Amino acid sequence: MIQKSTIGVVHGRFQPFHLGHLDYVLQAKENCDFLYIGIANPDPSLTKPHQTNKKRAEISSNPFTYYERLAMIKNTILKKGIKENEFEIVPFPINYSEYIKYYVPIDAIFFITIYDSWGYSKKETLEKQNYAVRVLQEGDPSLKLAEGTKIRELMQSNQNWEQFVSIQVAEYIKENKLITKRILNTI
C-alpha cells in the first residue's frame, strides 16, 4: 500500500474520459486527501507529437475540448462520491513539462500508470522535473480497462462505445451531440 499523501496529481488526455481513467482517478484519490486532475493536450498550443506515439498529437486523437473533458470528468467523479472540495481539474502540459509547475503544486505526489513506452517516458519526464512519482499500475496494455483510440473508432463506426465509459460521460456526449460535432468532423 502506498503511504497516503496530502496532495496528489493524475493526468491524461481523457479523449474521452473512460472507465480505465475513472479507475486510475479513484485509485489515486484513495492515496491522497486532495487530487489535481490534469488534462493533457488542453489546447493545440500545448500539443505536440512524441516519439513513442506520434498519433497522440493528431486532431483526430484529440477531438474533445478541454471544457468538454472537464465536464465529463467532473460529472463522473462527483457521482462516484468524490466531493467537490476534494479535487480540482486543471490543464496539464505534459508535452512542455517545464510549465507543469504553473498548474499544480510541485510538492504533490504524481500518480501514474504505465502500460507502454509512453508511460515510461512520462515517468522519466516528471522525474527530470524533480516531481515525486508513484506508479499505481504497471503492465501489459491488454490489462487496460478501456482505450480512447478504440472508443473513438467505435464512435466513428456507430458501434457500442457506451460500455467503455460511465453513464455520465455517455449522457454528456449524446446530449451535446459530440460524436457529430467532434468525432465525425475530425476524420
N, C-alpha and C. Protein backbone atom coordinates (compact mmCIF):
# COMPACT_ATOMS: atom_id res chain seq x y z
N MET A 1 0.85 -1.19 0.00
CA MET A 1 0.00 0.00 0.00
C MET A 1 0.89 1.25 0.00
N ILE A 2 0.51 2.19 -0.83
CA ILE A 2 1.22 3.46 -0.91
C ILE A 2 0.84 4.31 0.30
N GLN A 3 1.83 4.95 0.93
CA GLN A 3 1.55 5.83 2.05
C GLN A 3 0.71 7.01 1.56
N LYS A 4 -0.34 7.34 2.31
CA LYS A 4 -1.27 8.39 1.90
C LYS A 4 -0.58 9.74 1.91
N SER A 5 -0.81 10.50 0.84
CA SER A 5 -0.24 11.83 0.67
C SER A 5 -1.36 12.86 0.84
N THR A 6 -1.00 14.05 1.19
CA THR A 6 -1.98 15.12 1.32
C THR A 6 -2.49 15.56 -0.04
N ILE A 7 -1.57 15.76 -1.00
CA ILE A 7 -1.95 16.24 -2.33
C ILE A 7 -1.42 15.29 -3.40
N GLY A 8 -2.29 14.91 -4.30
CA GLY A 8 -1.91 14.04 -5.41
C GLY A 8 -2.25 14.68 -6.74
N VAL A 9 -1.62 14.17 -7.79
CA VAL A 9 -1.86 14.63 -9.15
C VAL A 9 -1.96 13.42 -10.06
N VAL A 10 -2.95 13.41 -10.94
CA VAL A 10 -3.04 12.45 -12.03
C VAL A 10 -3.17 13.26 -13.31
N HIS A 11 -2.91 12.64 -14.42
CA HIS A 11 -3.10 13.35 -15.69
C HIS A 11 -3.36 12.38 -16.83
N GLY A 12 -3.96 12.91 -17.86
CA GLY A 12 -4.23 12.14 -19.06
C GLY A 12 -4.90 13.03 -20.09
N ARG A 13 -4.99 12.53 -21.30
CA ARG A 13 -5.71 13.29 -22.34
C ARG A 13 -7.21 13.15 -22.15
N PHE A 14 -7.67 11.99 -21.69
CA PHE A 14 -9.08 11.75 -21.42
C PHE A 14 -9.95 12.02 -22.65
N GLN A 15 -9.61 11.39 -23.76
CA GLN A 15 -10.26 11.60 -25.05
C GLN A 15 -11.06 10.38 -25.49
N PRO A 16 -12.17 10.02 -24.90
CA PRO A 16 -12.88 10.65 -23.81
C PRO A 16 -12.46 10.06 -22.46
N PHE A 17 -13.05 10.57 -21.39
CA PHE A 17 -12.82 10.05 -20.04
C PHE A 17 -13.54 8.70 -19.94
N HIS A 18 -12.76 7.60 -19.88
CA HIS A 18 -13.36 6.26 -19.91
C HIS A 18 -13.17 5.54 -18.57
N LEU A 19 -13.66 4.31 -18.50
CA LEU A 19 -13.64 3.55 -17.25
C LEU A 19 -12.23 3.28 -16.74
N GLY A 20 -11.27 3.11 -17.62
CA GLY A 20 -9.88 2.96 -17.19
C GLY A 20 -9.38 4.23 -16.52
N HIS A 21 -9.74 5.37 -17.08
CA HIS A 21 -9.37 6.65 -16.46
C HIS A 21 -10.04 6.80 -15.10
N LEU A 22 -11.30 6.43 -15.03
CA LEU A 22 -12.02 6.52 -13.76
C LEU A 22 -11.35 5.67 -12.69
N ASP A 23 -10.97 4.45 -13.05
CA ASP A 23 -10.28 3.57 -12.11
C ASP A 23 -8.97 4.21 -11.63
N TYR A 24 -8.24 4.80 -12.54
CA TYR A 24 -6.97 5.50 -12.24
C TYR A 24 -7.21 6.65 -11.26
N VAL A 25 -8.21 7.46 -11.52
CA VAL A 25 -8.52 8.59 -10.66
C VAL A 25 -8.94 8.11 -9.27
N LEU A 26 -9.79 7.11 -9.22
CA LEU A 26 -10.25 6.60 -7.92
C LEU A 26 -9.11 5.98 -7.11
N GLN A 27 -8.21 5.25 -7.78
CA GLN A 27 -7.05 4.68 -7.08
C GLN A 27 -6.17 5.80 -6.49
N ALA A 28 -5.94 6.81 -7.29
CA ALA A 28 -5.11 7.92 -6.82
C ALA A 28 -5.78 8.62 -5.65
N LYS A 29 -7.08 8.85 -5.75
CA LYS A 29 -7.80 9.56 -4.68
C LYS A 29 -7.76 8.78 -3.38
N GLU A 30 -7.73 7.46 -3.45
CA GLU A 30 -7.61 6.64 -2.23
C GLU A 30 -6.29 6.91 -1.51
N ASN A 31 -5.30 7.44 -2.25
CA ASN A 31 -3.97 7.65 -1.69
C ASN A 31 -3.63 9.11 -1.41
N CYS A 32 -4.63 9.98 -1.45
CA CYS A 32 -4.39 11.39 -1.13
C CYS A 32 -5.67 12.03 -0.61
N ASP A 33 -5.52 13.15 0.04
CA ASP A 33 -6.67 13.88 0.56
C ASP A 33 -7.27 14.79 -0.49
N PHE A 34 -6.42 15.38 -1.32
CA PHE A 34 -6.85 16.29 -2.37
C PHE A 34 -6.17 15.88 -3.67
N LEU A 35 -6.94 15.86 -4.76
CA LEU A 35 -6.41 15.37 -6.03
C LEU A 35 -6.56 16.42 -7.13
N TYR A 36 -5.46 16.73 -7.78
CA TYR A 36 -5.49 17.53 -9.00
C TYR A 36 -5.59 16.57 -10.17
N ILE A 37 -6.53 16.82 -11.05
CA ILE A 37 -6.72 16.01 -12.24
C ILE A 37 -6.30 16.87 -13.42
N GLY A 38 -5.16 16.53 -14.01
CA GLY A 38 -4.61 17.32 -15.09
C GLY A 38 -5.04 16.81 -16.45
N ILE A 39 -5.53 17.72 -17.27
CA ILE A 39 -5.94 17.38 -18.62
C ILE A 39 -4.81 17.74 -19.58
N ALA A 40 -4.18 16.70 -20.14
CA ALA A 40 -3.09 16.90 -21.10
C ALA A 40 -3.66 17.32 -22.46
N ASN A 41 -2.80 17.93 -23.27
CA ASN A 41 -3.23 18.46 -24.56
C ASN A 41 -4.48 19.33 -24.40
N PRO A 42 -4.43 20.31 -23.47
CA PRO A 42 -5.62 21.12 -23.22
C PRO A 42 -6.00 22.02 -24.39
N ASP A 43 -5.04 22.36 -25.21
CA ASP A 43 -5.31 23.14 -26.42
C ASP A 43 -4.19 22.86 -27.42
N PRO A 44 -4.39 23.24 -28.68
CA PRO A 44 -3.39 22.91 -29.70
C PRO A 44 -1.99 23.48 -29.43
N SER A 45 -1.90 24.60 -28.72
CA SER A 45 -0.58 25.17 -28.45
C SER A 45 0.25 24.33 -27.48
N LEU A 46 -0.41 23.47 -26.70
CA LEU A 46 0.29 22.63 -25.74
C LEU A 46 0.28 21.15 -26.17
N THR A 47 0.08 20.94 -27.45
CA THR A 47 0.02 19.59 -28.01
C THR A 47 1.15 19.44 -29.03
N LYS A 48 1.90 18.35 -28.90
CA LYS A 48 2.93 18.07 -29.90
C LYS A 48 3.18 16.57 -29.95
N PRO A 49 3.68 16.07 -31.07
CA PRO A 49 3.96 14.64 -31.19
C PRO A 49 5.06 14.20 -30.23
N HIS A 50 5.02 12.95 -29.88
CA HIS A 50 6.07 12.36 -29.05
C HIS A 50 6.57 11.12 -29.77
N GLN A 51 7.85 10.87 -29.68
CA GLN A 51 8.46 9.75 -30.41
C GLN A 51 7.83 8.40 -30.09
N THR A 52 7.25 8.24 -28.91
CA THR A 52 6.65 6.95 -28.55
C THR A 52 5.29 6.73 -29.19
N ASN A 53 4.61 7.83 -29.56
CA ASN A 53 3.30 7.71 -30.18
C ASN A 53 2.94 9.05 -30.83
N LYS A 54 3.30 9.21 -32.07
CA LYS A 54 3.08 10.47 -32.77
C LYS A 54 1.60 10.78 -32.98
N LYS A 55 0.75 9.76 -33.00
CA LYS A 55 -0.68 9.97 -33.21
C LYS A 55 -1.35 10.71 -32.05
N ARG A 56 -0.71 10.72 -30.87
CA ARG A 56 -1.28 11.40 -29.71
C ARG A 56 -1.54 12.88 -29.98
N ALA A 57 -0.83 13.46 -30.92
CA ALA A 57 -0.95 14.89 -31.20
C ALA A 57 -1.90 15.19 -32.36
N GLU A 58 -2.35 14.18 -33.05
CA GLU A 58 -3.23 14.41 -34.21
C GLU A 58 -4.59 14.94 -33.77
N ILE A 59 -5.19 15.74 -34.63
CA ILE A 59 -6.51 16.31 -34.33
C ILE A 59 -7.52 15.20 -34.07
N SER A 60 -7.48 14.13 -34.86
CA SER A 60 -8.43 13.03 -34.69
C SER A 60 -8.24 12.29 -33.36
N SER A 61 -7.07 12.42 -32.75
CA SER A 61 -6.82 11.80 -31.45
C SER A 61 -7.19 12.73 -30.29
N ASN A 62 -7.54 13.97 -30.61
CA ASN A 62 -7.87 14.97 -29.59
C ASN A 62 -9.14 15.72 -29.97
N PRO A 63 -10.25 14.99 -30.17
CA PRO A 63 -11.45 15.65 -30.66
C PRO A 63 -12.19 16.50 -29.62
N PHE A 64 -12.09 16.15 -28.35
CA PHE A 64 -12.86 16.85 -27.33
C PHE A 64 -12.08 18.02 -26.75
N THR A 65 -12.76 19.12 -26.53
CA THR A 65 -12.11 20.31 -25.99
C THR A 65 -11.78 20.11 -24.51
N TYR A 66 -10.96 21.00 -24.01
CA TYR A 66 -10.63 20.98 -22.58
C TYR A 66 -11.91 21.04 -21.75
N TYR A 67 -12.78 21.99 -22.08
CA TYR A 67 -14.01 22.15 -21.30
C TYR A 67 -14.87 20.90 -21.35
N GLU A 68 -15.00 20.27 -22.52
CA GLU A 68 -15.82 19.07 -22.63
C GLU A 68 -15.26 17.95 -21.78
N ARG A 69 -13.94 17.80 -21.78
CA ARG A 69 -13.32 16.76 -20.96
C ARG A 69 -13.47 17.08 -19.48
N LEU A 70 -13.33 18.35 -19.12
CA LEU A 70 -13.53 18.76 -17.73
C LEU A 70 -14.93 18.37 -17.27
N ALA A 71 -15.93 18.67 -18.09
CA ALA A 71 -17.32 18.34 -17.73
C ALA A 71 -17.52 16.83 -17.59
N MET A 72 -16.94 16.04 -18.51
CA MET A 72 -17.07 14.59 -18.44
C MET A 72 -16.48 14.07 -17.12
N ILE A 73 -15.29 14.55 -16.79
CA ILE A 73 -14.60 14.10 -15.58
C ILE A 73 -15.38 14.51 -14.34
N LYS A 74 -15.72 15.77 -14.27
CA LYS A 74 -16.41 16.30 -13.08
C LYS A 74 -17.73 15.59 -12.85
N ASN A 75 -18.54 15.45 -13.90
CA ASN A 75 -19.84 14.77 -13.77
C ASN A 75 -19.67 13.36 -13.24
N THR A 76 -18.66 12.67 -13.73
CA THR A 76 -18.45 11.27 -13.34
C THR A 76 -17.94 11.14 -11.91
N ILE A 77 -16.92 11.89 -11.55
CA ILE A 77 -16.34 11.65 -10.23
C ILE A 77 -17.22 12.18 -9.10
N LEU A 78 -18.02 13.20 -9.37
CA LEU A 78 -18.98 13.63 -8.35
C LEU A 78 -20.00 12.52 -8.08
N LYS A 79 -20.43 11.83 -9.13
CA LYS A 79 -21.37 10.71 -8.97
C LYS A 79 -20.73 9.53 -8.24
N LYS A 80 -19.41 9.45 -8.29
CA LYS A 80 -18.70 8.36 -7.62
C LYS A 80 -18.39 8.70 -6.16
N GLY A 81 -18.84 9.85 -5.70
CA GLY A 81 -18.72 10.18 -4.29
C GLY A 81 -17.53 11.03 -3.90
N ILE A 82 -16.74 11.45 -4.85
CA ILE A 82 -15.65 12.37 -4.51
C ILE A 82 -16.28 13.76 -4.40
N LYS A 83 -16.04 14.40 -3.27
CA LYS A 83 -16.65 15.70 -3.02
C LYS A 83 -15.93 16.80 -3.81
N GLU A 84 -16.69 17.84 -4.14
CA GLU A 84 -16.16 18.93 -4.95
C GLU A 84 -14.97 19.63 -4.30
N ASN A 85 -14.89 19.60 -2.98
CA ASN A 85 -13.75 20.25 -2.29
C ASN A 85 -12.55 19.31 -2.13
N GLU A 86 -12.60 18.14 -2.79
CA GLU A 86 -11.51 17.17 -2.71
C GLU A 86 -10.72 17.03 -4.01
N PHE A 87 -11.08 17.84 -5.02
CA PHE A 87 -10.37 17.75 -6.29
C PHE A 87 -10.45 19.06 -7.06
N GLU A 88 -9.55 19.21 -8.00
CA GLU A 88 -9.53 20.34 -8.92
C GLU A 88 -9.09 19.81 -10.27
N ILE A 89 -9.70 20.28 -11.33
CA ILE A 89 -9.33 19.87 -12.68
C ILE A 89 -8.60 21.03 -13.33
N VAL A 90 -7.40 20.75 -13.85
CA VAL A 90 -6.53 21.80 -14.38
C VAL A 90 -5.90 21.36 -15.70
N PRO A 91 -5.44 22.31 -16.52
CA PRO A 91 -4.64 21.93 -17.69
C PRO A 91 -3.34 21.27 -17.22
N PHE A 92 -2.81 20.38 -18.02
CA PHE A 92 -1.58 19.67 -17.65
C PHE A 92 -0.69 19.53 -18.88
N PRO A 93 0.26 20.43 -19.06
CA PRO A 93 1.10 20.44 -20.26
C PRO A 93 2.25 19.43 -20.22
N ILE A 94 1.91 18.14 -20.25
CA ILE A 94 2.94 17.10 -20.18
C ILE A 94 3.94 17.22 -21.31
N ASN A 95 3.53 17.74 -22.46
CA ASN A 95 4.44 17.90 -23.59
C ASN A 95 5.43 19.05 -23.40
N TYR A 96 5.14 19.90 -22.45
CA TYR A 96 6.00 21.03 -22.09
C TYR A 96 6.15 21.00 -20.57
N SER A 97 6.84 19.99 -20.10
CA SER A 97 6.88 19.69 -18.67
C SER A 97 7.42 20.82 -17.80
N GLU A 98 8.19 21.73 -18.38
CA GLU A 98 8.69 22.85 -17.60
C GLU A 98 7.56 23.78 -17.15
N TYR A 99 6.38 23.66 -17.76
CA TYR A 99 5.23 24.50 -17.38
C TYR A 99 4.31 23.86 -16.36
N ILE A 100 4.50 22.59 -16.06
CA ILE A 100 3.61 21.88 -15.13
C ILE A 100 3.54 22.61 -13.79
N LYS A 101 4.67 23.15 -13.35
CA LYS A 101 4.73 23.82 -12.04
C LYS A 101 3.77 25.00 -11.93
N TYR A 102 3.27 25.50 -13.04
CA TYR A 102 2.33 26.62 -13.01
C TYR A 102 0.88 26.17 -12.81
N TYR A 103 0.64 24.85 -12.83
CA TYR A 103 -0.72 24.33 -12.75
C TYR A 103 -1.01 23.48 -11.51
N VAL A 104 0.02 22.87 -10.94
CA VAL A 104 -0.17 22.00 -9.77
C VAL A 104 0.97 22.24 -8.78
N PRO A 105 0.74 21.92 -7.51
CA PRO A 105 1.81 22.09 -6.51
C PRO A 105 3.01 21.19 -6.82
N ILE A 106 4.20 21.74 -6.72
CA ILE A 106 5.39 20.95 -7.05
C ILE A 106 5.71 19.90 -6.00
N ASP A 107 5.15 20.04 -4.80
CA ASP A 107 5.42 19.06 -3.75
C ASP A 107 4.36 17.96 -3.67
N ALA A 108 3.49 17.88 -4.66
CA ALA A 108 2.46 16.84 -4.71
C ALA A 108 3.09 15.51 -5.12
N ILE A 109 2.34 14.45 -4.92
CA ILE A 109 2.72 13.14 -5.43
C ILE A 109 2.04 12.96 -6.78
N PHE A 110 2.81 12.63 -7.81
CA PHE A 110 2.29 12.44 -9.16
C PHE A 110 2.05 10.96 -9.37
N PHE A 111 0.79 10.57 -9.40
CA PHE A 111 0.41 9.17 -9.60
C PHE A 111 0.29 8.89 -11.09
N ILE A 112 0.87 7.79 -11.55
CA ILE A 112 0.78 7.42 -12.95
C ILE A 112 0.52 5.92 -13.08
N THR A 113 0.10 5.54 -14.27
CA THR A 113 0.03 4.13 -14.66
C THR A 113 0.95 3.97 -15.86
N ILE A 114 1.52 2.79 -15.99
CA ILE A 114 2.44 2.54 -17.10
C ILE A 114 2.03 1.25 -17.80
N TYR A 115 1.71 1.40 -19.10
CA TYR A 115 1.35 0.24 -19.92
C TYR A 115 2.18 0.14 -21.19
N ASP A 116 2.99 1.17 -21.46
CA ASP A 116 3.72 1.18 -22.72
C ASP A 116 4.89 2.16 -22.61
N SER A 117 5.59 2.36 -23.73
CA SER A 117 6.75 3.26 -23.71
C SER A 117 6.36 4.70 -23.40
N TRP A 118 5.15 5.12 -23.77
CA TRP A 118 4.69 6.47 -23.42
C TRP A 118 4.61 6.61 -21.90
N GLY A 119 4.14 5.60 -21.21
CA GLY A 119 4.06 5.65 -19.75
C GLY A 119 5.43 5.79 -19.11
N TYR A 120 6.41 5.02 -19.61
CA TYR A 120 7.77 5.14 -19.08
C TYR A 120 8.36 6.51 -19.39
N SER A 121 8.04 7.03 -20.56
CA SER A 121 8.52 8.36 -20.93
C SER A 121 7.94 9.44 -20.02
N LYS A 122 6.65 9.33 -19.70
CA LYS A 122 6.02 10.30 -18.78
C LYS A 122 6.68 10.25 -17.41
N LYS A 123 6.94 9.05 -16.94
CA LYS A 123 7.58 8.88 -15.64
C LYS A 123 8.94 9.58 -15.64
N GLU A 124 9.71 9.33 -16.67
CA GLU A 124 11.03 9.95 -16.79
C GLU A 124 10.92 11.48 -16.89
N THR A 125 9.96 11.95 -17.66
CA THR A 125 9.75 13.39 -17.81
C THR A 125 9.44 14.05 -16.48
N LEU A 126 8.54 13.45 -15.72
CA LEU A 126 8.17 14.02 -14.42
C LEU A 126 9.33 13.96 -13.43
N GLU A 127 10.05 12.86 -13.43
CA GLU A 127 11.20 12.73 -12.51
C GLU A 127 12.30 13.73 -12.87
N LYS A 128 12.50 14.02 -14.15
CA LYS A 128 13.50 15.03 -14.55
C LYS A 128 13.15 16.41 -14.04
N GLN A 129 11.86 16.64 -13.82
CA GLN A 129 11.41 17.92 -13.26
C GLN A 129 11.40 17.88 -11.72
N ASN A 130 11.94 16.78 -11.17
CA ASN A 130 12.05 16.59 -9.72
C ASN A 130 10.72 16.41 -9.00
N TYR A 131 9.73 15.87 -9.68
CA TYR A 131 8.47 15.56 -9.04
C TYR A 131 8.53 14.17 -8.44
N ALA A 132 7.84 13.97 -7.34
CA ALA A 132 7.73 12.66 -6.71
C ALA A 132 6.69 11.85 -7.49
N VAL A 133 7.11 10.73 -8.06
CA VAL A 133 6.23 9.92 -8.90
C VAL A 133 5.99 8.57 -8.22
N ARG A 134 4.73 8.18 -8.21
CA ARG A 134 4.36 6.85 -7.71
C ARG A 134 3.55 6.14 -8.79
N VAL A 135 3.96 4.93 -9.10
CA VAL A 135 3.28 4.13 -10.12
C VAL A 135 2.17 3.33 -9.44
N LEU A 136 0.93 3.54 -9.88
CA LEU A 136 -0.21 2.82 -9.34
C LEU A 136 -0.37 1.45 -9.97
N GLN A 137 -0.15 1.38 -11.28
CA GLN A 137 -0.25 0.12 -12.02
C GLN A 137 0.79 0.11 -13.12
N GLU A 138 1.31 -1.06 -13.38
CA GLU A 138 2.28 -1.21 -14.46
C GLU A 138 2.06 -2.58 -15.07
N GLY A 139 2.06 -2.63 -16.39
CA GLY A 139 1.88 -3.92 -17.02
C GLY A 139 1.59 -3.82 -18.50
N ASP A 140 1.16 -4.92 -19.05
CA ASP A 140 0.86 -5.04 -20.46
C ASP A 140 -0.37 -4.20 -20.83
N PRO A 141 -0.38 -3.58 -22.02
CA PRO A 141 -1.53 -2.79 -22.44
C PRO A 141 -2.85 -3.56 -22.45
N SER A 142 -2.78 -4.87 -22.57
CA SER A 142 -4.02 -5.67 -22.57
C SER A 142 -4.73 -5.62 -21.22
N LEU A 143 -4.05 -5.13 -20.18
CA LEU A 143 -4.65 -5.01 -18.85
C LEU A 143 -5.54 -3.78 -18.72
N LYS A 144 -5.47 -2.88 -19.68
CA LYS A 144 -6.28 -1.65 -19.62
C LYS A 144 -7.77 -2.00 -19.67
N LEU A 145 -8.55 -1.27 -18.87
CA LEU A 145 -9.99 -1.46 -18.87
C LEU A 145 -10.64 -0.91 -20.15
N ALA A 146 -10.04 0.11 -20.71
CA ALA A 146 -10.56 0.74 -21.93
C ALA A 146 -9.43 1.51 -22.59
N GLU A 147 -9.64 1.88 -23.83
CA GLU A 147 -8.63 2.64 -24.56
C GLU A 147 -9.33 3.68 -25.43
N GLY A 148 -8.89 4.93 -25.32
CA GLY A 148 -9.52 6.03 -26.04
C GLY A 148 -9.56 5.83 -27.54
N THR A 149 -8.48 5.33 -28.12
CA THR A 149 -8.44 5.11 -29.57
C THR A 149 -9.56 4.18 -30.00
N LYS A 150 -9.73 3.08 -29.28
CA LYS A 150 -10.77 2.10 -29.60
C LYS A 150 -12.16 2.72 -29.45
N ILE A 151 -12.36 3.50 -28.40
CA ILE A 151 -13.66 4.14 -28.17
C ILE A 151 -13.98 5.10 -29.31
N ARG A 152 -13.01 5.91 -29.71
CA ARG A 152 -13.24 6.85 -30.81
C ARG A 152 -13.53 6.11 -32.12
N GLU A 153 -12.86 4.98 -32.36
CA GLU A 153 -13.14 4.17 -33.55
C GLU A 153 -14.56 3.63 -33.52
N LEU A 154 -15.00 3.18 -32.34
CA LEU A 154 -16.37 2.68 -32.20
C LEU A 154 -17.38 3.81 -32.44
N MET A 155 -17.08 5.00 -31.95
CA MET A 155 -17.96 6.15 -32.19
C MET A 155 -18.06 6.45 -33.68
N GLN A 156 -16.92 6.42 -34.36
CA GLN A 156 -16.90 6.71 -35.80
C GLN A 156 -17.73 5.72 -36.60
N SER A 157 -17.71 4.46 -36.18
CA SER A 157 -18.43 3.42 -36.91
C SER A 157 -19.81 3.13 -36.33
N ASN A 158 -20.27 4.00 -35.43
CA ASN A 158 -21.60 3.89 -34.83
C ASN A 158 -21.82 2.52 -34.16
N GLN A 159 -20.79 2.07 -33.44
CA GLN A 159 -20.88 0.82 -32.70
C GLN A 159 -20.95 1.12 -31.20
N ASN A 160 -21.12 0.09 -30.39
CA ASN A 160 -21.34 0.25 -28.96
C ASN A 160 -20.10 0.72 -28.21
N TRP A 161 -19.94 2.02 -28.07
CA TRP A 161 -18.84 2.63 -27.32
C TRP A 161 -19.22 2.90 -25.88
N GLU A 162 -20.52 3.00 -25.59
CA GLU A 162 -21.00 3.40 -24.27
C GLU A 162 -20.55 2.47 -23.15
N GLN A 163 -20.30 1.20 -23.48
CA GLN A 163 -19.91 0.23 -22.46
C GLN A 163 -18.55 0.55 -21.84
N PHE A 164 -17.76 1.42 -22.49
CA PHE A 164 -16.42 1.73 -22.02
C PHE A 164 -16.32 3.04 -21.24
N VAL A 165 -17.46 3.72 -21.07
CA VAL A 165 -17.48 4.99 -20.35
C VAL A 165 -18.57 4.96 -19.30
N SER A 166 -18.51 5.90 -18.36
CA SER A 166 -19.55 5.99 -17.35
C SER A 166 -20.85 6.47 -17.97
N ILE A 167 -21.94 6.28 -17.27
CA ILE A 167 -23.25 6.77 -17.72
C ILE A 167 -23.19 8.28 -17.92
N GLN A 168 -22.50 8.98 -17.02
CA GLN A 168 -22.41 10.44 -17.10
C GLN A 168 -21.68 10.89 -18.37
N VAL A 169 -20.62 10.20 -18.73
CA VAL A 169 -19.87 10.56 -19.95
C VAL A 169 -20.73 10.28 -21.18
N ALA A 170 -21.37 9.12 -21.22
CA ALA A 170 -22.21 8.77 -22.37
C ALA A 170 -23.33 9.80 -22.53
N GLU A 171 -23.97 10.16 -21.44
CA GLU A 171 -25.05 11.15 -21.50
C GLU A 171 -24.53 12.50 -21.97
N TYR A 172 -23.40 12.92 -21.45
CA TYR A 172 -22.83 14.21 -21.84
C TYR A 172 -22.50 14.25 -23.34
N ILE A 173 -21.88 13.19 -23.82
CA ILE A 173 -21.52 13.12 -25.25
C ILE A 173 -22.77 13.15 -26.11
N LYS A 174 -23.79 12.38 -25.73
CA LYS A 174 -25.01 12.33 -26.52
C LYS A 174 -25.79 13.65 -26.45
N GLU A 175 -25.97 14.19 -25.25
CA GLU A 175 -26.73 15.43 -25.09
C GLU A 175 -26.12 16.59 -25.85
N ASN A 176 -24.80 16.61 -25.93
CA ASN A 176 -24.10 17.70 -26.61
C ASN A 176 -23.73 17.37 -28.05
N LYS A 177 -24.23 16.22 -28.53
CA LYS A 177 -24.01 15.79 -29.92
C LYS A 177 -22.53 15.83 -30.31
N LEU A 178 -21.68 15.37 -29.39
CA LEU A 178 -20.24 15.46 -29.60
C LEU A 178 -19.70 14.48 -30.63
N ILE A 179 -20.42 13.40 -30.87
CA ILE A 179 -19.95 12.49 -31.91
C ILE A 179 -20.04 13.19 -33.26
N THR A 180 -21.16 13.84 -33.49
CA THR A 180 -21.31 14.59 -34.75
C THR A 180 -20.38 15.79 -34.81
N LYS A 181 -20.32 16.54 -33.72
CA LYS A 181 -19.51 17.78 -33.70
C LYS A 181 -18.02 17.52 -33.69
N ARG A 182 -17.58 16.50 -32.96
CA ARG A 182 -16.15 16.31 -32.74
C ARG A 182 -15.56 15.10 -33.46
N ILE A 183 -16.19 13.96 -33.32
CA ILE A 183 -15.63 12.72 -33.87
C ILE A 183 -15.77 12.66 -35.38
N LEU A 184 -16.95 12.83 -35.88
CA LEU A 184 -17.18 12.70 -37.31
C LEU A 184 -16.61 13.86 -38.11
N ASN A 185 -16.37 14.99 -37.46
CA ASN A 185 -15.81 16.15 -38.16
C ASN A 185 -14.30 16.21 -38.11
N THR A 186 -13.64 15.23 -37.46
CA THR A 186 -12.18 15.24 -37.38
C THR A 186 -11.55 14.19 -38.30
N ILE A 187 -12.36 13.46 -39.01
CA ILE A 187 -11.85 12.40 -39.89
C ILE A 187 -11.24 13.02 -41.14
